[in-house]
Amino acid sequence: AALPTIALSSGSACASGVPKPSHVLSALGLDREAALSSIRIGIGRFNTQAEAQYLTEKLITAIAEIRQHSPLWALHGLRRRS
């Protein structure tokens, strides 16, 4: 919702709507929490470097904004440090 001009989603393409980690991310060694925190971004050969740069800038800004207002992120960060 924070990025209405960009097509992305959470979770894997093969398990859309299913609240479980991607088997591919699990096979790559990500733990359950990291796999469930993933973002799926679709890009193709016709995307330009300028579009990739636009995506990167907007994604970084949106994630920082969401984290700033998220009590869950604050709890997560505190738990990670201990």
PDB file of N, CA and C in Angstrom:
ATOM      1  N   ALA A   1       0.821  -1.194   0.000  1.00  0.00           N
ATOM      2  CA  ALA A   1       0.000   0.000   0.000  1.00  0.00           C
ATOM      3  C   ALA A   1       0.864   1.255   0.000  1.00  0.00           C
ATOM      4  N   ALA A   2       2.063   1.176   0.555  1.00  0.00           N
ATOM      5  CA  ALA A   2       2.947   2.339   0.607  1.00  0.00           C
ATOM      6  C   ALA A   2       3.577   2.646  -0.747  1.00  0.00           C
ATOM      7  N   LEU A   3       3.493   1.706  -1.691  1.00  0.00           N
ATOM      8  CA  LEU A   3       4.102   1.882  -3.009  1.00  0.00           C
ATOM      9  C   LEU A   3       3.095   1.561  -4.120  1.00  0.00           C
ATOM     10  N   PRO A   4       2.101   2.407  -4.310  1.00  0.00           N
ATOM     11  CA  PRO A   4       1.041   2.081  -5.273  1.00  0.00           C
ATOM     12  C   PRO A   4       1.492   2.024  -6.728  1.00  0.00           C
ATOM     13  N   THR A   5       2.642   2.606  -7.057  1.00  0.00           N
ATOM     14  CA  THR A   5       3.112   2.590  -8.449  1.00  0.00           C
ATOM     15  C   THR A   5       4.049   1.425  -8.752  1.00  0.00           C
ATOM     16  N   ILE A   6       4.280   0.559  -7.761  1.00  0.00           N
ATOM     17  CA  ILE A   6       5.213  -0.552  -7.936  1.00  0.00           C
ATOM     18  C   ILE A   6       4.497  -1.869  -7.639  1.00  0.00           C
ATOM     19  N   ALA A   7       4.704  -2.853  -8.514  1.00  0.00           N
ATOM     20  CA  ALA A   7       4.087  -4.169  -8.320  1.00  0.00           C
ATOM     21  C   ALA A   7       5.018  -5.052  -7.501  1.00  0.00           C
ATOM     22  N   LEU A   8       4.617  -5.307  -6.258  1.00  0.00           N
ATOM     23  CA  LEU A   8       5.376  -6.214  -5.401  1.00  0.00           C
ATOM     24  C   LEU A   8       4.413  -6.853  -4.419  1.00  0.00           C
ATOM     25  N   SER A   9       4.875  -7.906  -3.775  1.00  0.00           N
ATOM     26  CA  SER A   9       4.039  -8.594  -2.804  1.00  0.00           C
ATOM     27  C   SER A   9       4.916  -9.293  -1.785  1.00  0.00           C
ATOM     28  N   SER A  10       4.278  -9.756  -0.734  1.00  0.00           N
ATOM     29  CA  SER A  10       5.015 -10.535   0.255  1.00  0.00           C
ATOM     30  C   SER A  10       4.770 -12.006  -0.032  1.00  0.00           C
ATOM     31  N   GLY A  11       5.692 -12.838   0.387  1.00  0.00           N
ATOM     32  CA  GLY A  11       5.534 -14.273   0.175  1.00  0.00           C
ATOM     33  C   GLY A  11       5.971 -14.719  -1.206  1.00  0.00           C
ATOM     34  N   SER A  12       5.916 -16.001  -1.424  1.00  0.00           N
ATOM     35  CA  SER A  12       6.362 -16.563  -2.689  1.00  0.00           C
ATOM     36  C   SER A  12       5.230 -16.627  -3.701  1.00  0.00           C
ATOM     37  N   ALA A  13       5.588 -16.671  -4.970  1.00  0.00           N
ATOM     38  CA  ALA A  13       4.589 -16.728  -6.036  1.00  0.00           C
ATOM     39  C   ALA A  13       3.828 -18.045  -6.000  1.00  0.00           C
ATOM     40  N   CYS A  14       4.496 -19.110  -5.628  1.00  0.00           N
ATOM     41  CA  CYS A  14       3.857 -20.428  -5.663  1.00  0.00           C
ATOM     42  C   CYS A  14       2.981 -20.701  -4.446  1.00  0.00           C
ATOM     43  N   ALA A  15       3.057 -19.827  -3.438  1.00  0.00           N
ATOM     44  CA  ALA A  15       2.267 -20.059  -2.224  1.00  0.00           C
ATOM     45  C   ALA A  15       1.466 -18.822  -1.836  1.00  0.00           C
ATOM     46  N   SER A  16       1.039 -18.048  -2.827  1.00  0.00           N
ATOM     47  CA  SER A  16       0.282 -16.837  -2.534  1.00  0.00           C
ATOM     48  C   SER A  16      -0.933 -17.156  -1.672  1.00  0.00           C
ATOM     49  N   GLY A  17      -1.122 -16.351  -0.660  1.00  0.00           N
ATOM     50  CA  GLY A  17      -2.260 -16.531   0.233  1.00  0.00           C
ATOM     51  C   GLY A  17      -2.041 -17.558   1.325  1.00  0.00           C
ATOM     52  N   VAL A  18      -0.906 -18.226   1.300  1.00  0.00           N
ATOM     53  CA  VAL A  18      -0.617 -19.251   2.303  1.00  0.00           C
ATOM     54  C   VAL A  18       0.418 -18.681   3.280  1.00  0.00           C
ATOM     55  N   PRO A  19       0.096 -18.599   4.575  1.00  0.00           N
ATOM     56  CA  PRO A  19       1.020 -18.001   5.546  1.00  0.00           C
ATOM     57  C   PRO A  19       2.136 -18.946   5.980  1.00  0.00           C
ATOM     58  N   LYS A  20       2.947 -19.370   5.044  1.00  0.00           N
ATOM     59  CA  LYS A  20       4.103 -20.194   5.392  1.00  0.00           C
ATOM     60  C   LYS A  20       5.286 -19.742   4.553  1.00  0.00           C
ATOM     61  N   PRO A  21       6.497 -19.971   5.020  1.00  0.00           N
ATOM     62  CA  PRO A  21       7.671 -19.502   4.293  1.00  0.00           C
ATOM     63  C   PRO A  21       7.834 -20.217   2.952  1.00  0.00           C
ATOM     64  N   SER A  22       8.427 -19.506   2.019  1.00  0.00           N
ATOM     65  CA  SER A  22       8.749 -20.077   0.717  1.00  0.00           C
ATOM     66  C   SER A  22       9.718 -21.243   0.892  1.00  0.00           C
ATOM     67  N   HIS A  23       9.436 -22.348   0.230  1.00  0.00           N
ATOM     68  CA  HIS A  23      10.353 -23.488   0.320  1.00  0.00           C
ATOM     69  C   HIS A  23      11.700 -23.152  -0.320  1.00  0.00           C
ATOM     70  N   VAL A  24      11.712 -22.239  -1.286  1.00  0.00           N
ATOM     71  CA  VAL A  24      12.967 -21.836  -1.925  1.00  0.00           C
ATOM     72  C   VAL A  24      13.818 -21.038  -0.945  1.00  0.00           C
ATOM     73  N   LEU A  25      13.207 -20.078  -0.260  1.00  0.00           N
ATOM     74  CA  LEU A  25      13.965 -19.293   0.714  1.00  0.00           C
ATOM     75  C   LEU A  25      14.435 -20.156   1.873  1.00  0.00           C
ATOM     76  N   SER A  26      13.621 -21.102   2.287  1.00  0.00           N
ATOM     77  CA  SER A  26      14.037 -22.029   3.346  1.00  0.00           C
ATOM     78  C   SER A  26      15.220 -22.873   2.882  1.00  0.00           C
ATOM     79  N   ALA A  27      15.189 -23.321   1.629  1.00  0.00           N
ATOM     80  CA  ALA A  27      16.287 -24.123   1.088  1.00  0.00           C
ATOM     81  C   ALA A  27      17.578 -23.313   0.979  1.00  0.00           C
ATOM     82  N   LEU A  28      17.433 -21.997   0.815  1.00  0.00           N
ATOM     83  CA  LEU A  28      18.608 -21.130   0.759  1.00  0.00           C
ATOM     84  C   LEU A  28      19.189 -20.858   2.140  1.00  0.00           C
ATOM     85  N   GLY A  29      18.495 -21.316   3.189  1.00  0.00           N
ATOM     86  CA  GLY A  29      19.014 -21.189   4.544  1.00  0.00           C
ATOM     87  C   GLY A  29      18.390 -20.088   5.379  1.00  0.00           C
ATOM     88  N   LEU A  30      17.388 -19.383   4.855  1.00  0.00           N
ATOM     89  CA  LEU A  30      16.733 -18.354   5.659  1.00  0.00           C
ATOM     90  C   LEU A  30      15.886 -19.004   6.741  1.00  0.00           C
ATOM     91  N   ASP A  31      15.909 -18.408   7.934  1.00  0.00           N
ATOM     92  CA  ASP A  31      15.041 -18.922   8.984  1.00  0.00           C
ATOM     93  C   ASP A  31      13.601 -18.498   8.694  1.00  0.00           C
ATOM     94  N   ARG A  32      12.669 -19.037   9.442  1.00  0.00           N
ATOM     95  CA  ARG A  32      11.241 -18.795   9.199  1.00  0.00           C
ATOM     96  C   ARG A  32      10.906 -17.304   9.225  1.00  0.00           C
ATOM     97  N   GLU A  33      11.424 -16.602  10.219  1.00  0.00           N
ATOM     98  CA  GLU A  33      11.134 -15.177  10.366  1.00  0.00           C
ATOM     99  C   GLU A  33      11.621 -14.377   9.161  1.00  0.00           C
ATOM    100  N   ALA A  34      12.844 -14.645   8.731  1.00  0.00           N
ATOM    101  CA  ALA A  34      13.394 -13.923   7.573  1.00  0.00           C
ATOM    102  C   ALA A  34      12.627 -14.261   6.300  1.00  0.00           C
ATOM    103  N   ALA A  35      12.292 -15.523   6.124  1.00  0.00           N
ATOM    104  CA  ALA A  35      11.554 -15.937   4.920  1.00  0.00           C
ATOM    105  C   ALA A  35      10.171 -15.301   4.878  1.00  0.00           C
ATOM    106  N   LEU A  36       9.519 -15.196   6.034  1.00  0.00           N
ATOM    107  CA  LEU A  36       8.190 -14.583   6.083  1.00  0.00           C
ATOM    108  C   LEU A  36       8.258 -13.062   5.932  1.00  0.00           C
ATOM    109  N   SER A  37       9.430 -12.488   6.083  1.00  0.00           N
ATOM    110  CA  SER A  37       9.614 -11.043   5.953  1.00  0.00           C
ATOM    111  C   SER A  37      10.056 -10.636   4.554  1.00  0.00           C
ATOM    112  N   SER A  38      10.094 -11.573   3.650  1.00  0.00           N
ATOM    113  CA  SER A  38      10.590 -11.295   2.303  1.00  0.00           C
ATOM    114  C   SER A  38       9.596 -10.493   1.475  1.00  0.00           C
ATOM    115  N   ILE A  39      10.114  -9.830   0.460  1.00  0.00           N
ATOM    116  CA  ILE A  39       9.300  -9.097  -0.506  1.00  0.00           C
ATOM    117  C   ILE A  39       9.622  -9.659  -1.885  1.00  0.00           C
ATOM    118  N   ARG A  40       8.590  -9.938  -2.663  1.00  0.00           N
ATOM    119  CA  ARG A  40       8.765 -10.454  -4.029  1.00  0.00           C
ATOM    120  C   ARG A  40       8.551  -9.308  -5.002  1.00  0.00           C
ATOM    121  N   ILE A  41       9.564  -9.048  -5.822  1.00  0.00           N
ATOM    122  CA  ILE A  41       9.510  -7.969  -6.806  1.00  0.00           C
ATOM    123  C   ILE A  41       9.695  -8.595  -8.190  1.00  0.00           C
ATOM    124  N   GLY A  42       8.761  -8.325  -9.063  1.00  0.00           N
ATOM    125  CA  GLY A  42       8.863  -8.856 -10.416  1.00  0.00           C
ATOM    126  C   GLY A  42       9.532  -7.864 -11.351  1.00  0.00           C
ATOM    127  N   ILE A  43      10.624  -8.286 -11.962  1.00  0.00           N
ATOM    128  CA  ILE A  43      11.296  -7.472 -12.968  1.00  0.00           C
ATOM    129  C   ILE A  43      11.524  -8.330 -14.200  1.00  0.00           C
ATOM    130  N   GLY A  44      11.751  -7.687 -15.299  1.00  0.00           N
ATOM    131  CA  GLY A  44      11.949  -8.422 -16.539  1.00  0.00           C
ATOM    132  C   GLY A  44      13.007  -7.786 -17.416  1.00  0.00           C
ATOM    133  N   ARG A  45      13.252  -8.398 -18.522  1.00  0.00           N
ATOM    134  CA  ARG A  45      14.319  -7.918 -19.404  1.00  0.00           C
ATOM    135  C   ARG A  45      14.021  -6.561 -20.023  1.00  0.00           C
ATOM    136  N   PHE A  46      12.778  -6.147 -20.005  1.00  0.00           N
ATOM    137  CA  PHE A  46      12.431  -4.861 -20.592  1.00  0.00           C
ATOM    138  C   PHE A  46      12.438  -3.720 -19.580  1.00  0.00           C
ATOM    139  N   ASN A  47      12.677  -4.031 -18.302  1.00  0.00           N
ATOM    140  CA  ASN A  47      12.819  -2.973 -17.308  1.00  0.00           C
ATOM    141  C   ASN A  47      14.139  -2.245 -17.545  1.00  0.00           C
ATOM    142  N   THR A  48      14.114  -0.945 -17.341  1.00  0.00           N
ATOM    143  CA  THR A  48      15.310  -0.134 -17.565  1.00  0.00           C
ATOM    144  C   THR A  48      16.076   0.080 -16.265  1.00  0.00           C
ATOM    145  N   GLN A  49      17.302   0.548 -16.403  1.00  0.00           N
ATOM    146  CA  GLN A  49      18.108   0.865 -15.234  1.00  0.00           C
ATOM    147  C   GLN A  49      17.453   2.001 -14.446  1.00  0.00           C
ATOM    148  N   ALA A  50      16.857   2.954 -15.141  1.00  0.00           N
ATOM    149  CA  ALA A  50      16.165   4.063 -14.463  1.00  0.00           C
ATOM    150  C   ALA A  50      14.993   3.540 -13.635  1.00  0.00           C
ATOM    151  N   GLU A  51      14.267   2.553 -14.154  1.00  0.00           N
ATOM    152  CA  GLU A  51      13.157   1.968 -13.396  1.00  0.00           C
ATOM    153  C   GLU A  51      13.665   1.232 -12.167  1.00  0.00           C
ATOM    154  N   ALA A  52      14.778   0.545 -12.310  1.00  0.00           N
ATOM    155  CA  ALA A  52      15.366  -0.163 -11.167  1.00  0.00           C
ATOM    156  C   ALA A  52      15.821   0.836 -10.102  1.00  0.00           C
ATOM    157  N   GLN A  53      16.385   1.942 -10.519  1.00  0.00           N
ATOM    158  CA  GLN A  53      16.814   2.982  -9.582  1.00  0.00           C
ATOM    159  C   GLN A  53      15.605   3.593  -8.886  1.00  0.00           C
ATOM    160  N   TYR A  54      14.540   3.850  -9.629  1.00  0.00           N
ATOM    161  CA  TYR A  54      13.299   4.382  -9.065  1.00  0.00           C
ATOM    162  C   TYR A  54      12.758   3.422  -8.003  1.00  0.00           C
ATOM    163  N   LEU A  55      12.703   2.139  -8.329  1.00  0.00           N
ATOM    164  CA  LEU A  55      12.240   1.117  -7.391  1.00  0.00           C
ATOM    165  C   LEU A  55      13.081   1.133  -6.125  1.00  0.00           C
ATOM    166  N   THR A  56      14.382   1.141  -6.279  1.00  0.00           N
ATOM    167  CA  THR A  56      15.287   1.102  -5.136  1.00  0.00           C
ATOM    168  C   THR A  56      15.054   2.288  -4.204  1.00  0.00           C
ATOM    169  N   GLU A  57      14.979   3.479  -4.774  1.00  0.00           N
ATOM    170  CA  GLU A  57      14.788   4.681  -3.962  1.00  0.00           C
ATOM    171  C   GLU A  57      13.443   4.654  -3.241  1.00  0.00           C
ATOM    172  N   LYS A  58      12.379   4.301  -3.945  1.00  0.00           N
ATOM    173  CA  LYS A  58      11.046   4.275  -3.348  1.00  0.00           C
ATOM    174  C   LYS A  58      10.938   3.192  -2.280  1.00  0.00           C
ATOM    175  N   LEU A  59      11.542   2.038  -2.524  1.00  0.00           N
ATOM    176  CA  LEU A  59      11.485   0.932  -1.573  1.00  0.00           C
ATOM    177  C   LEU A  59      12.229   1.270  -0.282  1.00  0.00           C
ATOM    178  N   ILE A  60      13.401   1.847  -0.403  1.00  0.00           N
ATOM    179  CA  ILE A  60      14.181   2.238   0.781  1.00  0.00           C
ATOM    180  C   ILE A  60      13.408   3.258   1.613  1.00  0.00           C
ATOM    181  N   THR A  61      12.823   4.245   0.947  1.00  0.00           N
ATOM    182  CA  THR A  61      12.057   5.272   1.644  1.00  0.00           C
ATOM    183  C   THR A  61      10.833   4.680   2.340  1.00  0.00           C
ATOM    184  N   ALA A  62      10.095   3.833   1.632  1.00  0.00           N
ATOM    185  CA  ALA A  62       8.878   3.238   2.202  1.00  0.00           C
ATOM    186  C   ALA A  62       9.196   2.338   3.390  1.00  0.00           C
ATOM    187  N   ILE A  63      10.242   1.534   3.285  1.00  0.00           N
ATOM    188  CA  ILE A  63      10.611   0.639   4.392  1.00  0.00           C
ATOM    189  C   ILE A  63      11.022   1.450   5.618  1.00  0.00           C
ATOM    190  N   ALA A  64      11.806   2.498   5.412  1.00  0.00           N
ATOM    191  CA  ALA A  64      12.219   3.342   6.539  1.00  0.00           C
ATOM    192  C   ALA A  64      11.005   3.991   7.207  1.00  0.00           C
ATOM    193  N   GLU A  65      10.061   4.455   6.408  1.00  0.00           N
ATOM    194  CA  GLU A  65       8.850   5.092   6.950  1.00  0.00           C
ATOM    195  C   GLU A  65       8.008   4.083   7.728  1.00  0.00           C
ATOM    196  N   ILE A  66       7.821   2.913   7.185  1.00  0.00           N
ATOM    197  CA  ILE A  66       7.025   1.875   7.856  1.00  0.00           C
ATOM    198  C   ILE A  66       7.690   1.451   9.160  1.00  0.00           C
ATOM    199  N   ARG A  67       8.999   1.264   9.135  1.00  0.00           N
ATOM    200  CA  ARG A  67       9.716   0.878  10.354  1.00  0.00           C
ATOM    201  C   ARG A  67       9.624   1.950  11.431  1.00  0.00           C
ATOM    202  N   GLN A  68       9.686   3.203  11.023  1.00  0.00           N
ATOM    203  CA  GLN A  68       9.637   4.304  11.981  1.00  0.00           C
ATOM    204  C   GLN A  68       8.323   4.308  12.754  1.00  0.00           C
ATOM    205  N   HIS A  69       7.246   3.881  12.136  1.00  0.00           N
ATOM    206  CA  HIS A  69       5.930   3.922  12.764  1.00  0.00           C
ATOM    207  C   HIS A  69       5.453   2.559  13.266  1.00  0.00           C
ATOM    208  N   SER A  70       6.319   1.582  13.258  1.00  0.00           N
ATOM    209  CA  SER A  70       5.915   0.230  13.620  1.00  0.00           C
ATOM    210  C   SER A  70       6.371  -0.157  15.024  1.00  0.00           C
ATOM    211  N   PRO A  71       5.427  -0.359  15.946  1.00  0.00           N
ATOM    212  CA  PRO A  71       5.817  -0.832  17.265  1.00  0.00           C
ATOM    213  C   PRO A  71       6.406  -2.241  17.201  1.00  0.00           C
ATOM    214  N   LEU A  72       5.963  -3.031  16.246  1.00  0.00           N
ATOM    215  CA  LEU A  72       6.515  -4.381  16.093  1.00  0.00           C
ATOM    216  C   LEU A  72       7.978  -4.332  15.670  1.00  0.00           C
ATOM    217  N   TRP A  73       8.327  -3.383  14.806  1.00  0.00           N
ATOM    218  CA  TRP A  73       9.721  -3.263  14.381  1.00  0.00           C
ATOM    219  C   TRP A  73      10.591  -2.859  15.571  1.00  0.00           C
ATOM    220  N   ALA A  74      10.086  -1.960  16.420  1.00  0.00           N
ATOM    221  CA  ALA A  74      10.839  -1.550  17.599  1.00  0.00           C
ATOM    222  C   ALA A  74      11.091  -2.754  18.512  1.00  0.00           C
ATOM    223  N   LEU A  75      10.084  -3.569  18.721  1.00  0.00           N
ATOM    224  CA  LEU A  75      10.256  -4.768  19.545  1.00  0.00           C
ATOM    225  C   LEU A  75      11.227  -5.738  18.892  1.00  0.00           C
ATOM    226  N   HIS A  76      11.112  -5.907  17.607  1.00  0.00           N
ATOM    227  CA  HIS A  76      12.007  -6.801  16.858  1.00  0.00           C
ATOM    228  C   HIS A  76      13.454  -6.343  16.985  1.00  0.00           C
ATOM    229  N   GLY A  77      13.674  -5.054  16.816  1.00  0.00           N
ATOM    230  CA  GLY A  77      15.020  -4.511  16.909  1.00  0.00           C
ATOM    231  C   GLY A  77      15.615  -4.698  18.284  1.00  0.00           C
ATOM    232  N   LEU A  78      14.817  -4.509  19.340  1.00  0.00           N
ATOM    233  CA  LEU A  78      15.305  -4.689  20.705  1.00  0.00           C
ATOM    234  C   LEU A  78      15.660  -6.142  20.966  1.00  0.00           C
ATOM    235  N   ARG A  79      14.838  -7.035  20.454  1.00  0.00           N
ATOM    236  CA  ARG A  79      15.083  -8.460  20.668  1.00  0.00           C
ATOM    237  C   ARG A  79      16.340  -8.912  19.932  1.00  0.00           C
ATOM    238  N   ARG A  80      16.562  -8.383  18.733  1.00  0.00           N
ATOM    239  CA  ARG A  80      17.742  -8.761  17.950  1.00  0.00           C
ATOM    240  C   ARG A  80      19.043  -8.350  18.620  1.00  0.00           C
ATOM    241  N   ARG A  81      19.025  -7.209  19.311  1.00  0.00           N
ATOM    242  CA  ARG A  81      20.250  -6.712  19.937  1.00  0.00           C
ATOM    243  C   ARG A  81      20.650  -7.503  21.164  1.00  0.00           C
ATOM    244  N   SER A  82      19.701  -8.177  21.806  1.00  0.00           N
ATOM    245  CA  SER A  82      20.037  -8.880  23.060  1.00  0.00           C
ATOM    246  C   SER A  82      20.553 -10.263  22.819  1.00  0.00           C
TER     247      SER A  82
END
